[in-house]
N, C-alpha and C. Protein backbone atom coordinates (compact mmCIF):
# COMPACT_ATOMS: atom_id res chain seq x y z
N UNK A 1 151.95 127.19 164.85
CA UNK A 1 150.01 127.07 165.76
C UNK A 1 150.56 125.35 165.23
N UNK A 2 149.32 124.84 165.76
CA UNK A 2 149.46 123.42 166.06
C UNK A 2 148.75 123.56 164.95
N UNK A 3 148.16 122.14 164.43
CA UNK A 3 147.00 121.20 163.97
C UNK A 3 145.92 121.34 164.16
N UNK A 4 145.30 120.95 165.93
CA UNK A 4 144.07 121.52 165.97
C UNK A 4 144.14 122.77 166.35
N UNK A 5 145.13 123.80 166.22
CA UNK A 5 143.99 125.30 166.02
C UNK A 5 144.28 125.27 164.74
N UNK A 6 144.83 125.31 163.88
CA UNK A 6 144.02 125.31 162.11
C UNK A 6 142.76 124.87 162.31
N UNK A 7 142.73 123.67 162.68
CA UNK A 7 140.98 123.43 162.44
C UNK A 7 140.08 123.68 162.88
N UNK A 8 140.13 124.15 164.56
CA UNK A 8 139.22 125.54 164.88
C UNK A 8 139.38 126.33 164.60
N UNK A 9 140.78 127.40 164.43
CA UNK A 9 140.24 128.22 164.14
C UNK A 9 139.56 129.28 162.35
N UNK A 10 139.64 127.64 161.50
CA UNK A 10 138.92 127.89 159.87
C UNK A 10 137.69 128.00 160.53
N UNK A 11 136.96 128.40 159.00
CA UNK A 11 135.34 128.45 159.58
C UNK A 11 134.68 127.34 158.44
N UNK A 12 133.96 126.84 158.66
CA UNK A 12 133.17 125.61 158.17
C UNK A 12 132.59 126.37 156.95
N UNK A 13 132.63 125.35 156.10
CA UNK A 13 131.54 124.78 154.99
C UNK A 13 130.72 124.35 154.49
N UNK A 14 130.26 124.53 153.12
CA UNK A 14 128.92 123.06 153.10
C UNK A 14 129.08 122.52 152.87
N UNK A 15 131.04 122.10 152.64
CA UNK A 15 131.32 120.58 152.26
C UNK A 15 131.81 119.84 153.76
N UNK A 16 131.81 120.95 154.83
CA UNK A 16 132.28 119.95 156.09
C UNK A 16 130.76 119.99 156.27
N UNK A 17 129.11 120.53 156.04
CA UNK A 17 128.42 119.73 156.48
C UNK A 17 127.48 120.11 155.09
N UNK A 18 127.33 118.26 154.84
CA UNK A 18 126.99 118.35 153.81
C UNK A 18 125.35 118.25 153.57
N UNK A 19 124.99 117.52 154.71
CA UNK A 19 123.28 117.61 154.91
C UNK A 19 122.35 118.62 154.80
N UNK A 20 123.55 120.07 155.56
CA UNK A 20 122.21 121.30 155.10
C UNK A 20 122.06 121.50 153.71
N UNK A 21 122.17 120.99 152.58
CA UNK A 21 121.80 120.85 151.31
C UNK A 21 121.02 120.13 150.66
N UNK A 22 120.72 118.99 151.65
CA UNK A 22 120.42 117.88 151.15
C UNK A 22 118.95 118.40 151.21
N UNK A 23 118.46 117.05 150.29
CA UNK A 23 116.71 117.39 150.23
C UNK A 23 116.11 116.70 151.58
N UNK A 24 114.80 117.27 151.37
CA UNK A 24 113.76 117.08 153.29
C UNK A 24 113.94 115.41 152.93
N UNK A 25 113.76 114.61 151.83
CA UNK A 25 113.50 113.23 152.15
C UNK A 25 114.69 112.70 152.36
N UNK A 26 116.15 113.17 152.38
CA UNK A 26 117.43 113.26 152.72
C UNK A 26 117.65 112.90 153.74
N UNK A 27 117.01 113.69 154.31
CA UNK A 27 117.18 114.35 155.71
C UNK A 27 116.44 113.46 156.99
N UNK A 28 115.14 112.99 156.38
CA UNK A 28 114.89 112.10 156.73
C UNK A 28 115.30 110.52 156.80
N UNK A 29 115.74 110.45 155.47
CA UNK A 29 116.48 109.09 155.62
C UNK A 29 117.92 108.72 156.26
N UNK A 30 117.96 109.63 156.37
CA UNK A 30 119.66 110.27 157.58
C UNK A 30 119.20 110.12 159.13
N UNK A 31 117.83 110.52 159.05
CA UNK A 31 117.43 110.73 160.64
C UNK A 31 117.41 109.08 160.61
N UNK A 32 116.73 108.45 160.08
CA UNK A 32 115.97 107.25 160.30
C UNK A 32 117.16 106.50 160.55
N UNK A 33 117.98 106.50 159.83
CA UNK A 33 119.38 105.52 160.05
C UNK A 33 120.18 105.61 161.30
N UNK A 34 119.55 106.95 161.77
CA UNK A 34 120.57 107.28 163.01
C UNK A 34 119.66 106.65 164.44
N UNK A 35 118.45 106.74 163.47
CA UNK A 35 118.00 106.04 164.96
C UNK A 35 118.03 104.29 164.98
N UNK A 36 118.52 103.62 163.87
CA UNK A 36 118.29 102.15 163.25
C UNK A 36 119.04 102.03 164.75
N UNK A 37 118.18 100.21 165.16
CA UNK A 37 119.58 99.31 165.83
C UNK A 37 120.51 98.43 164.93
N UNK A 38 121.26 97.75 165.32
CA UNK A 38 121.96 97.37 164.61
C UNK A 38 121.86 95.84 163.44
N UNK A 39 120.48 95.59 164.93
CA UNK A 39 119.99 94.26 163.63
C UNK A 39 119.34 95.27 162.21
N UNK A 40 118.70 95.96 162.45
CA UNK A 40 117.91 97.05 161.51
C UNK A 40 118.72 98.03 160.55
N UNK A 41 120.36 97.86 160.84
CA UNK A 41 120.88 98.70 160.00
C UNK A 41 121.67 97.40 159.08
N UNK A 42 121.82 96.27 159.73
CA UNK A 42 122.93 95.66 158.92
C UNK A 42 122.13 94.49 158.35
N UNK A 43 120.82 94.38 158.31
CA UNK A 43 119.64 94.49 156.95
C UNK A 43 119.39 95.75 155.82
N UNK A 44 119.32 96.73 156.41
CA UNK A 44 119.62 97.84 155.49
C UNK A 44 121.12 97.45 154.82
N UNK A 45 122.19 97.52 155.16
CA UNK A 45 123.54 97.47 154.29
C UNK A 45 123.19 96.16 153.26
N UNK A 46 122.40 94.73 154.33
CA UNK A 46 122.36 93.75 152.81
C UNK A 46 121.47 93.59 151.72
N UNK A 47 120.56 94.72 152.46
CA UNK A 47 119.85 95.67 151.05
C UNK A 47 120.03 96.11 150.12
N UNK A 48 121.17 97.21 150.50
CA UNK A 48 122.36 97.34 149.56
C UNK A 48 123.10 97.39 149.24
N UNK A 49 123.59 96.04 149.21
CA UNK A 49 124.35 95.16 149.17
C UNK A 49 123.57 94.39 147.58
N UNK A 50 123.13 93.90 147.43
CA UNK A 50 121.94 93.08 146.67
C UNK A 50 121.46 94.38 146.29
N UNK A 51 120.29 95.58 146.58
CA UNK A 51 121.00 96.30 144.93
C UNK A 51 121.82 96.37 144.51
N UNK A 52 123.14 96.80 144.68
CA UNK A 52 124.23 97.03 144.53
C UNK A 52 124.59 95.74 143.26
N UNK A 53 124.35 94.89 143.39
CA UNK A 53 124.74 93.79 142.92
C UNK A 53 123.89 93.49 141.22
N UNK A 54 122.53 93.57 141.74
CA UNK A 54 121.53 93.79 140.76
C UNK A 54 122.09 95.04 139.23
N UNK A 55 122.34 95.84 139.68
CA UNK A 55 122.98 97.17 139.37
C UNK A 55 124.16 96.83 138.45
N UNK A 56 125.29 96.15 139.50
CA UNK A 56 126.17 95.64 138.33
C UNK A 56 125.72 94.69 137.19
N UNK A 57 124.99 94.03 137.88
CA UNK A 57 124.51 92.33 136.96
C UNK A 57 123.75 93.46 135.69
N UNK A 58 123.35 94.33 135.54
CA UNK A 58 121.59 95.18 134.87
C UNK A 58 122.97 95.90 133.96
N UNK A 59 124.49 96.27 134.13
CA UNK A 59 125.21 97.17 133.66
C UNK A 59 125.81 96.58 132.92
N UNK A 60 126.33 94.92 133.57
CA UNK A 60 127.06 94.22 131.96
C UNK A 60 126.53 93.45 131.28
N UNK A 61 124.66 93.33 131.54
CA UNK A 61 124.71 93.31 130.34
C UNK A 61 124.31 93.99 129.68
N UNK A 62 124.10 95.34 129.73
CA UNK A 62 123.91 96.45 128.95
C UNK A 62 125.13 96.41 128.52
N UNK A 63 126.10 96.05 129.13
CA UNK A 63 127.54 96.62 128.55
C UNK A 63 127.26 95.43 127.50
N UNK A 64 127.16 94.20 127.86
CA UNK A 64 126.90 92.79 126.38
C UNK A 64 126.43 92.72 125.51
N UNK A 65 125.42 93.89 125.92
CA UNK A 65 124.36 94.06 124.09
C UNK A 65 124.81 95.06 123.60
N UNK A 66 125.48 96.48 124.51
CA UNK A 66 126.15 96.84 123.55
C UNK A 66 127.19 96.53 122.39
N UNK A 67 127.99 95.83 123.34
CA UNK A 67 128.46 95.17 122.62
C UNK A 67 128.44 94.33 121.34
N UNK A 68 127.18 93.76 121.53
CA UNK A 68 126.40 92.56 120.29
C UNK A 68 126.25 93.86 119.84
N UNK A 69 125.25 94.44 119.77
CA UNK A 69 125.24 96.00 118.78
C UNK A 69 125.92 96.25 117.85
N UNK A 70 127.51 96.37 118.57
CA UNK A 70 128.23 96.65 117.29
C UNK A 70 129.19 95.87 116.44
N UNK A 71 128.99 94.85 116.84
CA UNK A 71 129.40 93.76 116.08
C UNK A 71 128.05 93.47 114.69
N UNK A 72 127.22 93.77 115.20
CA UNK A 72 125.86 93.79 114.50
C UNK A 72 126.47 94.78 113.57
N UNK A 73 126.64 96.19 114.08
CA UNK A 73 127.09 97.11 113.28
C UNK A 73 128.07 96.83 112.67
N UNK A 74 129.15 96.15 112.78
CA UNK A 74 130.17 96.35 112.04
C UNK A 74 130.13 95.18 110.49
N UNK A 75 129.27 94.03 111.18
CA UNK A 75 128.63 93.18 109.47
C UNK A 75 128.15 93.65 108.76
N UNK A 76 127.08 94.47 109.55
CA UNK A 76 126.05 95.12 108.62
C UNK A 76 126.98 96.40 107.71
N UNK A 77 127.75 96.64 108.28
CA UNK A 77 128.70 97.84 107.10
C UNK A 77 129.79 96.82 106.98
N UNK A 78 130.18 96.11 107.30
CA UNK A 78 131.22 95.09 106.15
C UNK A 78 129.65 94.31 105.06
N UNK A 79 129.36 94.60 105.48
CA UNK A 79 127.88 93.69 104.02
C UNK A 79 127.88 95.03 102.75
N UNK A 80 127.13 95.86 103.65
CA UNK A 80 127.24 97.01 102.66
C UNK A 80 128.19 97.62 102.34
N UNK A 81 129.16 97.28 102.84
CA UNK A 81 130.72 97.52 101.41
C UNK A 81 131.23 97.00 100.50
N UNK A 82 130.96 95.44 101.08
CA UNK A 82 130.84 94.34 99.60
C UNK A 82 130.49 94.57 98.61
N UNK A 83 128.46 94.47 98.91
CA UNK A 83 127.54 95.35 98.02
C UNK A 83 128.33 96.45 96.87
N UNK A 84 129.03 97.62 97.55
CA UNK A 84 128.75 98.76 96.97
C UNK A 84 130.06 98.26 96.18
N UNK A 85 131.32 97.40 96.65
CA UNK A 85 132.34 97.24 95.56
C UNK A 85 132.22 96.23 94.72
N UNK A 86 130.99 95.34 94.92
CA UNK A 86 130.36 94.45 94.19
C UNK A 86 129.77 94.99 92.15
């Protein structure tokens, strides 16, 4: 049996056609993407890249803030231990 036969003989699953399970808003977004011309698609991709960059920056700031909190908590714990030992 060739690979093409096994591919065509098997049944389709929902993972083969994921858009069937998407909410209507997602379907509209996908339809809009299909209708975009090259310039619109490039602008859309650029917007997505900028949004991704903004999210990365926010994540970096959040991680840095979390690290600062951890340092502050360690300092407070150390001070509490020192007071308890005194």
